[in-house]
């Protein structure tokens, strides 16, 4: 499950930016970019759980 967290956090960041920038509130741009930045940090952290495709010899 952890290897799917990268794509989940990237999609959450994109959705946050899409929804947050549609509102015409005063701080919506800053807030949405801040939350998206946090999601991108988490996505970068969980990239270490993505398998690299190399098989270990048995």
Protein backbone atom coordinates (compact mmCIF):
# COMPACT_ATOMS: atom_id res chain seq x y z
CA UNK A 1 0.00 0.00 0.00
CA UNK A 2 2.84 2.41 0.72
CA UNK A 3 4.03 2.38 -2.88
CA UNK A 4 0.70 3.83 -3.99
CA UNK A 5 0.90 6.75 -1.57
CA UNK A 6 3.10 8.75 -3.95
CA UNK A 7 0.48 8.86 -6.68
CA UNK A 8 -2.27 9.45 -4.12
CA UNK A 9 -0.49 12.49 -2.70
CA UNK A 10 0.26 13.87 -6.17
CA UNK A 11 -3.40 13.53 -7.11
CA UNK A 12 -4.43 15.19 -3.85
CA UNK A 13 -2.09 18.09 -4.57
CA UNK A 14 -3.48 18.54 -8.07
CA UNK A 15 -7.06 18.36 -6.79
CA UNK A 16 -6.24 20.86 -4.04
CA UNK A 17 -4.79 23.30 -6.55
CA UNK A 18 -7.67 22.85 -8.95
CA UNK A 19 -10.34 23.37 -6.29
CA UNK A 20 -8.48 26.00 -4.30
CA UNK A 21 -7.71 28.24 -7.24
CA UNK A 22 -11.35 28.14 -8.43
CA UNK A 23 -12.51 30.00 -5.32
CA UNK A 24 -12.27 33.75 -5.40
CA UNK A 25 -11.54 34.05 -1.68
CA UNK A 26 -8.83 36.35 -0.41
CA UNK A 27 -6.23 33.77 0.69
CA UNK A 28 -7.33 30.80 -1.40
CA UNK A 29 -4.25 30.87 -3.65
CA UNK A 30 -1.74 30.96 -0.82
CA UNK A 31 -3.61 28.32 1.18
CA UNK A 32 -4.04 25.95 -1.75
CA UNK A 33 -0.38 26.24 -2.80
CA UNK A 34 0.70 25.67 0.81
CA UNK A 35 -1.40 22.55 1.18
CA UNK A 36 -0.29 21.31 -2.26
CA UNK A 37 3.34 21.87 -1.27
CA UNK A 38 2.84 19.71 1.82
CA UNK A 39 1.23 17.00 -0.32
CA UNK A 40 4.19 17.13 -2.73
CA UNK A 41 6.62 16.76 0.19
CA UNK A 42 4.76 13.64 1.34
CA UNK A 43 4.73 12.31 -2.23
CA UNK A 44 8.49 12.77 -2.48
CA UNK A 45 8.99 11.02 0.86
CA UNK A 46 7.01 7.94 -0.17
CA UNK A 47 8.92 7.47 -3.44
CA UNK A 48 11.38 5.29 -1.54
CA UNK A 49 8.69 2.59 -1.35
CA UNK A 50 8.30 2.33 -5.13
CA UNK A 51 9.98 -0.85 -6.37
CA UNK A 52 12.82 -0.23 -8.81
CA UNK A 53 12.19 -3.34 -10.91
CA UNK A 54 15.47 -5.07 -10.11
CA UNK A 55 15.21 -8.62 -8.89
CA UNK A 56 17.55 -9.87 -6.21
CA UNK A 57 19.36 -13.11 -7.05
CA UNK A 58 18.20 -16.16 -5.12
